[in-house]
Amino acid sequence: MEDDFRANRSARVTFTITSLVTGLAFQPTTVKMTLYDEDRAETGTAGAIVNSRLDTDITSSVTAGVGDLTLTEADMAILDSAKPSERRALLIYWDYSGGADSGEYTFRFTVSKNGVPTS
């Protein structure tokens, strides 16, 4: 089940980056995000990247492996006004040990005009 957010309102996303070996949180060297509209990405339609959030550096939003990120109203806008909702994906990816290792996680959610699931 995906989370559902109301369009045109900021949203807070928290996450923890943990080692697959130790299970403990750690501070990566670099953390970046890409925010995209899944429907446009799947069909190859132009404008899949939302609010120019392509490879955006969010390292400063992560402390000791714990991320606290605020998506702005522009990040949460409905791109196609004819649609009641849109599927989004927030890809968070990181590297550490001078780029020797890396990881990523995709958080999928729906942005809807009325803030309730539409499917």
Protein backbone atom coordinates (compact mmCIF):
# COMPACT_ATOMS: atom_id res chain seq x y z
CA MET A 1 0.00 0.00 0.00
CA GLU A 2 1.30 3.41 -0.96
CA ASP A 3 1.03 6.50 1.16
CA ASP A 4 -1.31 9.23 -0.04
CA PHE A 5 -0.60 12.94 0.32
CA ARG A 6 -2.64 16.03 -0.42
CA ALA A 7 -1.44 18.00 -3.42
CA ASN A 8 0.15 21.45 -3.06
CA ARG A 9 1.12 20.96 0.58
CA SER A 10 4.57 20.26 1.92
CA ALA A 11 5.30 16.76 3.18
CA ARG A 12 7.91 15.51 5.62
CA VAL A 13 9.84 12.33 4.82
CA THR A 14 12.06 10.67 7.42
CA PHE A 15 14.32 7.70 6.78
CA THR A 16 17.32 5.84 8.20
CA ILE A 17 20.25 4.58 6.16
CA THR A 18 21.56 1.36 7.67
CA SER A 19 24.40 -1.00 6.87
CA LEU A 20 23.39 -4.34 5.36
CA VAL A 21 26.31 -5.90 7.26
CA THR A 22 25.84 -4.48 10.77
CA GLY A 23 22.24 -3.26 10.66
CA LEU A 24 23.40 0.02 12.22
CA ALA A 25 22.74 3.52 10.92
CA PHE A 26 25.74 5.25 9.34
CA GLN A 27 26.55 8.57 7.70
CA PRO A 28 27.05 8.25 3.93
CA THR A 29 29.52 10.48 2.09
CA THR A 30 26.86 11.77 -0.32
CA VAL A 31 23.06 11.49 -0.39
CA LYS A 32 20.98 12.57 -3.40
CA MET A 33 17.36 12.43 -4.46
CA THR A 34 15.36 12.33 -7.66
CA LEU A 35 11.61 12.97 -7.61
CA TYR A 36 9.59 11.80 -10.57
CA ASP A 37 6.05 11.23 -11.78
CA GLU A 38 5.76 7.45 -12.27
CA ASP A 39 3.04 7.61 -14.94
CA ARG A 40 5.10 9.93 -17.14
CA ALA A 41 8.28 7.92 -16.52
CA GLU A 42 6.58 4.64 -17.51
CA THR A 43 5.20 6.05 -20.76
CA GLY A 44 8.29 8.09 -21.64
CA THR A 45 6.30 11.34 -21.53
CA ALA A 46 8.34 14.51 -21.16
CA GLY A 47 8.34 16.14 -17.74
CA ALA A 48 8.71 13.02 -15.64
CA ILE A 49 11.11 14.81 -13.26
CA VAL A 50 9.11 16.86 -10.77
CA ASN A 51 10.21 20.39 -9.84
CA SER A 52 13.69 19.90 -11.35
CA ARG A 53 14.52 17.43 -8.55
CA LEU A 54 17.06 15.39 -10.51
CA ASP A 55 20.19 14.34 -8.60
CA THR A 56 19.48 16.94 -5.91
CA ASP A 57 22.09 16.81 -3.13
CA ILE A 58 20.37 16.24 0.24
CA THR A 59 23.45 15.22 2.24
CA SER A 60 22.82 18.07 4.69
CA SER A 61 19.40 16.52 5.49
CA VAL A 62 21.07 13.38 6.89
CA THR A 63 22.73 13.24 10.31
CA ALA A 64 24.29 10.01 11.60
CA GLY A 65 22.32 8.11 8.96
CA VAL A 66 18.93 9.60 9.87
CA GLY A 67 17.31 11.67 7.13
CA ASP A 68 14.71 14.37 7.65
CA LEU A 69 13.55 15.84 4.36
CA THR A 70 10.73 18.25 3.54
CA LEU A 71 9.15 18.05 0.11
CA THR A 72 7.88 21.51 -0.85
CA GLU A 73 4.47 22.50 -2.19
CA ALA A 74 6.00 22.60 -5.69
CA ASP A 75 7.28 19.02 -5.20
CA MET A 76 3.73 17.95 -4.34
CA ALA A 77 1.89 19.76 -7.16
CA ILE A 78 -0.40 17.90 -9.55
CA LEU A 79 1.27 18.18 -12.97
CA ASP A 80 -1.80 17.29 -15.07
CA SER A 81 -4.78 19.31 -13.82
CA ALA A 82 -7.20 16.89 -15.52
CA LYS A 83 -6.14 14.08 -13.18
CA PRO A 84 -7.41 13.72 -9.59
CA SER A 85 -4.13 12.13 -8.49
CA GLU A 86 -0.63 11.22 -9.65
CA ARG A 87 1.80 8.50 -8.64
CA ARG A 88 5.21 9.73 -7.51
CA ALA A 89 8.50 8.11 -6.68
CA LEU A 90 11.20 9.60 -4.49
CA LEU A 91 14.51 7.87 -5.21
CA ILE A 92 17.06 8.38 -2.43
CA TYR A 93 20.56 7.12 -3.16
CA TRP A 94 23.89 7.36 -1.39
CA ASP A 95 27.52 6.42 -1.49
CA TYR A 96 30.20 5.98 1.15
CA SER A 97 33.80 4.89 1.54
CA GLY A 98 34.85 7.34 -1.15
CA GLY A 99 32.33 5.90 -3.61
CA ALA A 100 33.48 2.31 -3.05
CA ASP A 101 29.95 1.29 -2.07
CA SER A 102 26.45 2.64 -2.53
CA GLY A 103 22.77 2.03 -1.95
CA GLU A 104 19.33 3.33 -2.83
CA TYR A 105 15.69 3.23 -1.82
CA THR A 106 12.55 4.25 -3.70
CA PHE A 107 9.61 5.63 -1.72
CA ARG A 108 6.39 5.47 -3.75
CA PHE A 109 3.37 7.59 -2.94
CA THR A 110 0.30 9.23 -4.43
CA VAL A 111 -0.40 12.94 -4.58
CA SER A 112 -4.12 13.65 -4.83
CA LYS A 113 -6.26 16.76 -4.99
CA ASN A 114 -8.42 15.71 -2.07
CA GLY A 115 -5.80 13.86 -0.03
CA VAL A 116 -7.57 10.49 -0.10
CA PRO A 117 -6.80 7.41 -2.19
CA THR A 118 -8.42 7.49 -5.63
CA SER A 119 -8.06 3.83 -6.57
